[in-house]
């Protein structure tokens, strides 16, 4: 009998997770620890348009991420610092990998302003913000804060 208990996952998504686990030789016990939340993390609670293009991986909340026409979908976002307060304890081991197609600087800035960044044990940031003309200036500001 197959166990299906990843929180918040429908039948089709469960199949994708299961296939991924099999492909990568993951134990089912590890897979069942995954919790899927149907929202993104950002610097505020809101609903925003997410822009994406077929045949290009990634999507962004910034329309100038893509030079040509793009598709749109409304997505829910939760303030990252609030999520940290509610879900991460001070002594948790937190490894944070940010690859957010331009939102990484907004996310880190919120964590710095709230003081929640202190909960991060290890951090890897892919500065996609440099691909977005209206946001690329933020990389320097965040890099300076990270060097403190």
N, C-alpha and C. Protein backbone atom coordinates (compact mmCIF):
# COMPACT_ATOMS: atom_id res chain seq x y z
N UNK A 1 0.84 -1.19 0.00
CA UNK A 1 0.00 0.00 0.00
C UNK A 1 0.88 1.24 0.00
N UNK A 2 0.59 2.18 -0.88
CA UNK A 2 1.38 3.40 -1.01
C UNK A 2 0.89 4.46 -0.03
N UNK A 3 1.82 5.07 0.67
CA UNK A 3 1.49 6.14 1.61
C UNK A 3 1.45 7.46 0.86
N UNK A 4 0.40 8.23 1.08
CA UNK A 4 0.29 9.54 0.46
C UNK A 4 -0.03 10.55 1.54
N UNK A 5 0.99 11.22 2.05
CA UNK A 5 0.69 12.17 3.11
C UNK A 5 1.59 13.39 3.10
N UNK A 6 2.03 13.83 1.93
CA UNK A 6 2.70 15.12 1.88
C UNK A 6 1.59 16.15 2.02
N UNK A 7 1.72 16.98 3.02
CA UNK A 7 0.68 17.96 3.35
C UNK A 7 0.39 18.89 2.18
N UNK A 8 -0.86 19.00 1.82
CA UNK A 8 -1.30 19.96 0.82
C UNK A 8 -1.00 19.61 -0.62
N UNK A 9 -0.81 18.34 -0.92
CA UNK A 9 -0.43 17.94 -2.27
C UNK A 9 -1.54 17.12 -2.92
N UNK A 10 -1.90 17.51 -4.14
CA UNK A 10 -2.93 16.76 -4.86
C UNK A 10 -2.33 15.51 -5.51
N UNK A 11 -3.17 14.69 -6.09
CA UNK A 11 -2.77 13.39 -6.68
C UNK A 11 -1.69 13.55 -7.75
N UNK A 12 -1.85 14.52 -8.65
CA UNK A 12 -0.89 14.70 -9.75
C UNK A 12 0.47 15.16 -9.21
N UNK A 13 0.46 16.09 -8.27
CA UNK A 13 1.71 16.57 -7.68
C UNK A 13 2.39 15.47 -6.90
N UNK A 14 1.61 14.65 -6.18
CA UNK A 14 2.19 13.53 -5.44
C UNK A 14 2.93 12.60 -6.39
N UNK A 15 2.34 12.31 -7.55
CA UNK A 15 3.00 11.45 -8.54
C UNK A 15 4.33 12.06 -8.97
N UNK A 16 4.35 13.38 -9.20
CA UNK A 16 5.60 14.04 -9.59
C UNK A 16 6.65 13.92 -8.50
N UNK A 17 6.25 14.12 -7.24
CA UNK A 17 7.18 13.99 -6.11
C UNK A 17 7.70 12.56 -6.01
N UNK A 18 6.80 11.59 -6.12
CA UNK A 18 7.19 10.19 -6.02
C UNK A 18 8.18 9.81 -7.11
N UNK A 19 7.89 10.24 -8.36
CA UNK A 19 8.79 9.95 -9.47
C UNK A 19 10.16 10.60 -9.26
N UNK A 20 10.18 11.81 -8.75
CA UNK A 20 11.43 12.50 -8.46
C UNK A 20 12.23 11.76 -7.38
N UNK A 21 11.53 11.28 -6.36
CA UNK A 21 12.18 10.53 -5.29
C UNK A 21 12.81 9.24 -5.83
N UNK A 22 12.08 8.53 -6.67
CA UNK A 22 12.58 7.28 -7.26
C UNK A 22 13.80 7.58 -8.13
N UNK A 23 13.71 8.61 -8.95
CA UNK A 23 14.80 8.98 -9.85
C UNK A 23 16.07 9.32 -9.07
N UNK A 24 15.92 9.95 -7.91
CA UNK A 24 17.07 10.39 -7.12
C UNK A 24 17.38 9.49 -5.92
N UNK A 25 16.77 8.31 -5.92
CA UNK A 25 17.01 7.33 -4.85
C UNK A 25 16.75 7.89 -3.45
N UNK A 26 15.72 8.70 -3.32
CA UNK A 26 15.36 9.24 -2.01
C UNK A 26 14.48 8.25 -1.27
N UNK A 27 14.68 8.15 0.01
CA UNK A 27 13.82 7.30 0.83
C UNK A 27 12.48 7.99 1.00
N UNK A 28 11.43 7.20 1.05
CA UNK A 28 10.08 7.75 1.20
C UNK A 28 9.96 8.55 2.49
N UNK A 29 10.67 8.15 3.54
CA UNK A 29 10.58 8.88 4.81
C UNK A 29 11.07 10.32 4.66
N UNK A 30 12.05 10.54 3.78
CA UNK A 30 12.52 11.91 3.52
C UNK A 30 11.46 12.67 2.73
N UNK A 31 10.91 12.04 1.74
CA UNK A 31 9.90 12.67 0.90
C UNK A 31 8.69 13.11 1.72
N UNK A 32 8.31 12.31 2.70
CA UNK A 32 7.12 12.62 3.48
C UNK A 32 7.32 13.78 4.45
N UNK A 33 8.54 14.26 4.60
CA UNK A 33 8.81 15.42 5.44
C UNK A 33 8.58 16.74 4.70
N UNK A 34 8.36 16.65 3.41
CA UNK A 34 8.15 17.85 2.60
C UNK A 34 6.77 18.41 2.85
N UNK A 35 6.71 19.71 3.03
CA UNK A 35 5.43 20.40 3.15
C UNK A 35 5.36 21.40 2.00
N UNK A 36 4.34 21.29 1.20
CA UNK A 36 4.16 22.19 0.06
C UNK A 36 3.20 23.29 0.47
N UNK A 37 3.69 24.52 0.37
CA UNK A 37 2.84 25.68 0.64
C UNK A 37 2.51 26.35 -0.68
N UNK A 38 1.27 26.70 -0.85
CA UNK A 38 0.86 27.30 -2.11
C UNK A 38 0.95 28.82 -2.06
N UNK A 39 2.16 29.29 -1.77
CA UNK A 39 2.45 30.72 -1.78
C UNK A 39 3.95 30.90 -1.93
N UNK A 40 4.34 32.09 -2.32
CA UNK A 40 5.74 32.44 -2.38
C UNK A 40 6.09 33.34 -1.21
N UNK A 41 7.36 33.46 -0.93
CA UNK A 41 7.82 34.36 0.12
C UNK A 41 8.34 35.64 -0.52
N UNK A 42 7.98 36.76 0.08
CA UNK A 42 8.43 38.05 -0.43
C UNK A 42 8.52 39.01 0.74
N UNK A 43 8.49 40.31 0.49
CA UNK A 43 8.63 41.28 1.58
C UNK A 43 7.30 41.83 2.10
N UNK A 44 6.19 41.25 1.67
CA UNK A 44 4.88 41.64 2.20
C UNK A 44 3.85 40.55 1.89
N UNK A 45 2.72 40.62 2.60
CA UNK A 45 1.60 39.73 2.31
C UNK A 45 0.81 40.38 1.18
N UNK A 46 0.66 39.68 0.08
CA UNK A 46 -0.05 40.29 -1.05
C UNK A 46 -0.35 39.24 -2.12
N UNK A 47 -1.09 39.67 -3.11
CA UNK A 47 -1.29 38.89 -4.33
C UNK A 47 -0.68 39.75 -5.44
N UNK A 48 0.22 39.14 -6.22
CA UNK A 48 0.89 39.86 -7.30
C UNK A 48 0.87 39.03 -8.57
N UNK A 49 1.11 39.71 -9.65
CA UNK A 49 1.24 39.03 -10.94
C UNK A 49 2.65 38.43 -11.02
N UNK A 50 2.71 37.18 -11.45
CA UNK A 50 3.97 36.51 -11.71
C UNK A 50 4.08 36.39 -13.23
N UNK A 51 5.18 36.86 -13.79
CA UNK A 51 5.39 36.85 -15.23
C UNK A 51 6.31 35.68 -15.60
N UNK A 52 5.98 35.01 -16.71
CA UNK A 52 6.79 33.88 -17.16
C UNK A 52 6.65 33.71 -18.65
N UNK A 53 7.65 33.05 -19.24
CA UNK A 53 7.63 32.76 -20.67
C UNK A 53 7.83 31.29 -20.90
N UNK A 54 7.14 30.77 -21.88
CA UNK A 54 7.36 29.38 -22.28
C UNK A 54 8.79 29.24 -22.78
N UNK A 55 9.35 28.07 -22.55
CA UNK A 55 10.71 27.72 -22.99
C UNK A 55 11.81 28.48 -22.26
N UNK A 56 11.47 29.26 -21.26
CA UNK A 56 12.48 29.91 -20.42
C UNK A 56 12.17 29.52 -18.99
N UNK A 57 13.15 28.94 -18.32
CA UNK A 57 12.89 28.52 -16.95
C UNK A 57 12.84 29.75 -16.06
N UNK A 58 12.00 29.69 -15.06
CA UNK A 58 11.88 30.78 -14.11
C UNK A 58 10.71 31.69 -14.42
N UNK A 59 10.36 32.43 -13.40
CA UNK A 59 9.30 33.42 -13.51
C UNK A 59 9.68 34.56 -12.58
N UNK A 60 9.06 35.69 -12.72
CA UNK A 60 9.44 36.84 -11.91
C UNK A 60 8.23 37.71 -11.61
N UNK A 61 8.31 38.40 -10.48
CA UNK A 61 7.27 39.38 -10.16
C UNK A 61 7.52 40.69 -10.91
N UNK A 62 8.66 40.79 -11.57
CA UNK A 62 9.02 41.99 -12.31
C UNK A 62 8.84 41.77 -13.81
N UNK A 63 7.99 42.56 -14.42
CA UNK A 63 7.68 42.37 -15.84
C UNK A 63 8.87 42.64 -16.74
N UNK A 64 9.82 43.47 -16.30
CA UNK A 64 10.97 43.76 -17.16
C UNK A 64 12.05 42.67 -17.09
N UNK A 65 11.76 41.56 -16.46
CA UNK A 65 12.67 40.41 -16.44
C UNK A 65 12.76 39.79 -17.84
N UNK A 66 11.67 39.90 -18.60
CA UNK A 66 11.62 39.31 -19.93
C UNK A 66 11.51 40.41 -20.99
N UNK A 67 12.29 40.29 -22.04
CA UNK A 67 12.30 41.33 -23.08
C UNK A 67 11.10 41.24 -24.01
N UNK A 68 10.60 40.04 -24.21
CA UNK A 68 9.48 39.85 -25.12
C UNK A 68 8.20 39.62 -24.34
N UNK A 69 7.11 39.40 -25.05
CA UNK A 69 5.83 39.18 -24.39
C UNK A 69 5.91 38.00 -23.44
N UNK A 70 5.06 38.03 -22.43
CA UNK A 70 5.11 37.01 -21.39
C UNK A 70 3.71 36.66 -20.92
N UNK A 71 3.61 35.53 -20.28
CA UNK A 71 2.35 35.09 -19.68
C UNK A 71 2.28 35.64 -18.27
N UNK A 72 1.07 35.64 -17.71
CA UNK A 72 0.86 36.16 -16.36
C UNK A 72 -0.03 35.22 -15.57
N UNK A 73 0.23 35.19 -14.27
CA UNK A 73 -0.63 34.44 -13.37
C UNK A 73 -0.60 35.16 -12.01
N UNK A 74 -1.74 35.21 -11.34
CA UNK A 74 -1.78 35.81 -10.01
C UNK A 74 -1.28 34.80 -8.99
N UNK A 75 -0.41 35.26 -8.09
CA UNK A 75 0.15 34.39 -7.06
C UNK A 75 0.06 35.07 -5.69
N UNK A 76 -0.10 34.26 -4.70
CA UNK A 76 -0.14 34.74 -3.31
C UNK A 76 1.28 34.76 -2.76
N UNK A 77 1.61 35.83 -2.02
CA UNK A 77 2.90 35.95 -1.37
C UNK A 77 2.71 36.24 0.11
N UNK A 78 3.63 35.71 0.91
CA UNK A 78 3.62 35.89 2.35
C UNK A 78 4.91 36.59 2.74
N UNK A 79 4.81 37.51 3.71
CA UNK A 79 5.99 38.25 4.17
C UNK A 79 6.98 37.27 4.80
N UNK A 80 8.20 37.24 4.28
CA UNK A 80 9.20 36.27 4.69
C UNK A 80 9.55 36.39 6.17
N UNK A 81 9.66 37.59 6.69
CA UNK A 81 10.02 37.74 8.10
C UNK A 81 8.92 37.20 9.01
N UNK A 82 7.68 37.37 8.63
CA UNK A 82 6.56 36.82 9.40
C UNK A 82 6.61 35.29 9.36
N UNK A 83 6.89 34.74 8.19
CA UNK A 83 6.97 33.29 8.04
C UNK A 83 8.10 32.75 8.91
N UNK A 84 9.24 33.43 8.93
CA UNK A 84 10.36 33.01 9.78
C UNK A 84 9.95 33.00 11.24
N UNK A 85 9.30 34.07 11.69
CA UNK A 85 8.87 34.16 13.10
C UNK A 85 7.96 32.98 13.46
N UNK A 86 7.04 32.65 12.57
CA UNK A 86 6.04 31.62 12.84
C UNK A 86 6.55 30.19 12.64
N UNK A 87 7.64 30.01 11.90
CA UNK A 87 8.05 28.65 11.53
C UNK A 87 9.48 28.26 11.88
N UNK A 88 10.32 29.20 12.21
CA UNK A 88 11.73 28.88 12.46
C UNK A 88 12.10 29.33 13.87
N UNK A 89 12.67 28.39 14.63
CA UNK A 89 13.12 28.70 15.99
C UNK A 89 14.55 29.23 15.95
N UNK A 90 14.93 29.95 16.99
CA UNK A 90 16.26 30.56 17.06
C UNK A 90 17.38 29.54 16.93
N UNK A 91 17.19 28.34 17.46
CA UNK A 91 18.27 27.34 17.43
C UNK A 91 18.14 26.34 16.27
N UNK A 92 17.24 26.59 15.32
CA UNK A 92 17.13 25.73 14.14
C UNK A 92 18.37 25.92 13.26
N UNK A 93 18.70 24.86 12.53
CA UNK A 93 19.80 24.93 11.56
C UNK A 93 19.16 25.30 10.23
N UNK A 94 19.39 26.52 9.77
CA UNK A 94 18.70 27.04 8.59
C UNK A 94 19.70 27.25 7.44
N UNK A 95 19.48 26.50 6.36
CA UNK A 95 20.25 26.69 5.13
C UNK A 95 19.28 27.31 4.13
N UNK A 96 19.60 28.50 3.68
CA UNK A 96 18.70 29.24 2.80
C UNK A 96 19.35 29.42 1.43
N UNK A 97 18.69 28.93 0.41
CA UNK A 97 19.15 29.10 -0.97
C UNK A 97 18.11 29.97 -1.67
N UNK A 98 18.55 31.13 -2.11
CA UNK A 98 17.64 32.06 -2.79
C UNK A 98 17.97 32.13 -4.27
N UNK A 99 17.01 31.77 -5.09
CA UNK A 99 17.09 31.90 -6.54
C UNK A 99 15.69 32.34 -6.95
N UNK A 100 15.46 33.63 -6.85
CA UNK A 100 14.08 34.16 -6.90
C UNK A 100 13.79 35.05 -8.08
N UNK A 101 14.59 34.97 -9.12
CA UNK A 101 14.35 35.74 -10.35
C UNK A 101 14.07 37.22 -10.05
N UNK A 102 14.87 37.79 -9.15
CA UNK A 102 14.77 39.22 -8.89
C UNK A 102 14.23 39.61 -7.54
N UNK A 103 13.54 38.71 -6.86
CA UNK A 103 12.95 39.04 -5.56
C UNK A 103 13.89 38.78 -4.39
N UNK A 104 15.08 38.20 -4.67
CA UNK A 104 15.99 37.83 -3.59
C UNK A 104 16.43 39.02 -2.74
N UNK A 105 16.64 40.17 -3.35
CA UNK A 105 17.06 41.35 -2.58
C UNK A 105 15.94 41.87 -1.69
N UNK A 106 14.72 41.86 -2.19
CA UNK A 106 13.57 42.27 -1.37
C UNK A 106 13.40 41.33 -0.17
N UNK A 107 13.58 40.05 -0.42
CA UNK A 107 13.45 39.05 0.65
C UNK A 107 14.52 39.25 1.71
N UNK A 108 15.78 39.39 1.27
CA UNK A 108 16.87 39.58 2.23
C UNK A 108 16.73 40.90 2.97
N UNK A 109 16.30 41.94 2.29
CA UNK A 109 16.12 43.23 2.95
C UNK A 109 15.08 43.13 4.07
N UNK A 110 13.99 42.41 3.82
CA UNK A 110 12.97 42.21 4.86
C UNK A 110 13.56 41.44 6.04
N UNK A 111 14.36 40.42 5.77
CA UNK A 111 14.99 39.65 6.84
C UNK A 111 15.98 40.50 7.65
N UNK A 112 16.71 41.40 6.97
CA UNK A 112 17.62 42.30 7.67
C UNK A 112 16.85 43.30 8.54
N UNK A 113 15.82 43.92 7.97
CA UNK A 113 15.05 44.93 8.71
C UNK A 113 14.38 44.33 9.94
N UNK A 114 13.95 43.09 9.86
CA UNK A 114 13.24 42.45 10.97
C UNK A 114 14.19 41.80 11.98
N UNK A 115 15.44 41.60 11.60
CA UNK A 115 16.38 40.90 12.46
C UNK A 115 16.30 39.38 12.32
N UNK A 116 15.38 38.90 11.52
CA UNK A 116 15.21 37.45 11.35
C UNK A 116 16.38 36.81 10.60
N UNK A 117 17.20 37.60 9.92
CA UNK A 117 18.36 37.05 9.21
C UNK A 117 19.30 36.33 10.17
N UNK A 118 19.25 36.67 11.45
CA UNK A 118 20.13 36.05 12.44
C UNK A 118 19.85 34.56 12.60
N UNK A 119 18.71 34.09 12.14
CA UNK A 119 18.37 32.67 12.22
C UNK A 119 19.01 31.85 11.10
N UNK A 120 19.59 32.51 10.12
CA UNK A 120 20.16 31.82 8.97
C UNK A 120 21.56 31.33 9.31
N UNK A 121 21.78 30.03 9.16
CA UNK A 121 23.07 29.42 9.43
C UNK A 121 23.98 29.51 8.20
N UNK A 122 23.44 29.21 7.03
CA UNK A 122 24.20 29.25 5.77
C UNK A 122 23.29 29.85 4.70
N UNK A 123 23.89 30.64 3.81
CA UNK A 123 23.11 31.35 2.79
C UNK A 123 23.81 31.25 1.44
N UNK A 124 23.02 30.95 0.41
CA UNK A 124 23.49 30.98 -0.96
C UNK A 124 22.49 31.84 -1.74
N UNK A 125 23.00 32.86 -2.42
CA UNK A 125 22.12 33.76 -3.18
C UNK A 125 22.54 33.77 -4.63
N UNK A 126 21.59 33.56 -5.51
CA UNK A 126 21.79 33.73 -6.94
C UNK A 126 21.18 35.09 -7.26
N UNK A 127 22.02 36.07 -7.54
CA UNK A 127 21.53 37.43 -7.75
C UNK A 127 20.94 37.59 -9.15
N UNK A 128 19.75 37.06 -9.33
CA UNK A 128 19.02 37.23 -10.60
C UNK A 128 18.57 38.68 -10.78
N UNK A 129 18.62 39.45 -9.73
CA UNK A 129 18.20 40.84 -9.78
C UNK A 129 18.99 41.61 -10.85
N UNK A 130 20.19 41.14 -11.16
CA UNK A 130 20.99 41.82 -12.18
C UNK A 130 20.42 41.64 -13.59
N UNK A 131 19.46 40.72 -13.75
CA UNK A 131 18.79 40.52 -15.04
C UNK A 131 17.59 41.44 -15.22
N UNK A 132 17.29 42.25 -14.19
CA UNK A 132 16.09 43.07 -14.19
C UNK A 132 16.49 44.54 -14.12
N UNK A 133 16.37 45.26 -15.23
CA UNK A 133 16.86 46.64 -15.28
C UNK A 133 16.37 47.55 -14.14
N UNK A 134 15.12 47.44 -13.76
CA UNK A 134 14.60 48.34 -12.71
C UNK A 134 15.04 47.94 -11.30
N UNK A 135 15.65 46.78 -11.14
CA UNK A 135 15.99 46.28 -9.80
C UNK A 135 17.48 46.01 -9.58
N UNK A 136 18.30 46.07 -10.64
CA UNK A 136 19.69 45.62 -10.53
C UNK A 136 20.51 46.41 -9.51
N UNK A 137 20.15 47.63 -9.21
CA UNK A 137 20.88 48.44 -8.24
C UNK A 137 20.84 47.83 -6.83
N UNK A 138 19.86 47.00 -6.55
CA UNK A 138 19.69 46.42 -5.21
C UNK A 138 20.79 45.43 -4.84
N UNK A 139 21.43 44.84 -5.83
CA UNK A 139 22.46 43.85 -5.53
C UNK A 139 23.58 44.44 -4.68
N UNK A 140 24.05 45.62 -5.05
CA UNK A 140 25.15 46.26 -4.31
C UNK A 140 24.74 46.52 -2.86
N UNK A 141 23.52 47.02 -2.66
CA UNK A 141 23.04 47.32 -1.31
C UNK A 141 23.02 46.06 -0.44
N UNK A 142 22.52 44.97 -0.99
CA UNK A 142 22.43 43.72 -0.22
C UNK A 142 23.80 43.13 0.02
N UNK A 143 24.69 43.17 -0.98
CA UNK A 143 26.04 42.65 -0.79
C UNK A 143 26.75 43.39 0.35
N UNK A 144 26.52 44.71 0.45
CA UNK A 144 27.13 45.47 1.54
C UNK A 144 26.57 45.01 2.90
N UNK A 145 25.28 44.77 2.97
CA UNK A 145 24.68 44.28 4.23
C UNK A 145 25.20 42.89 4.57
N UNK A 146 25.41 42.05 3.56
CA UNK A 146 25.90 40.69 3.80
C UNK A 146 27.34 40.68 4.29
N UNK A 147 28.10 41.71 3.99
CA UNK A 147 29.50 41.75 4.39
C UNK A 147 29.70 42.26 5.81
N UNK A 148 28.62 42.59 6.52
CA UNK A 148 28.73 43.10 7.89
C UNK A 148 29.30 42.06 8.82
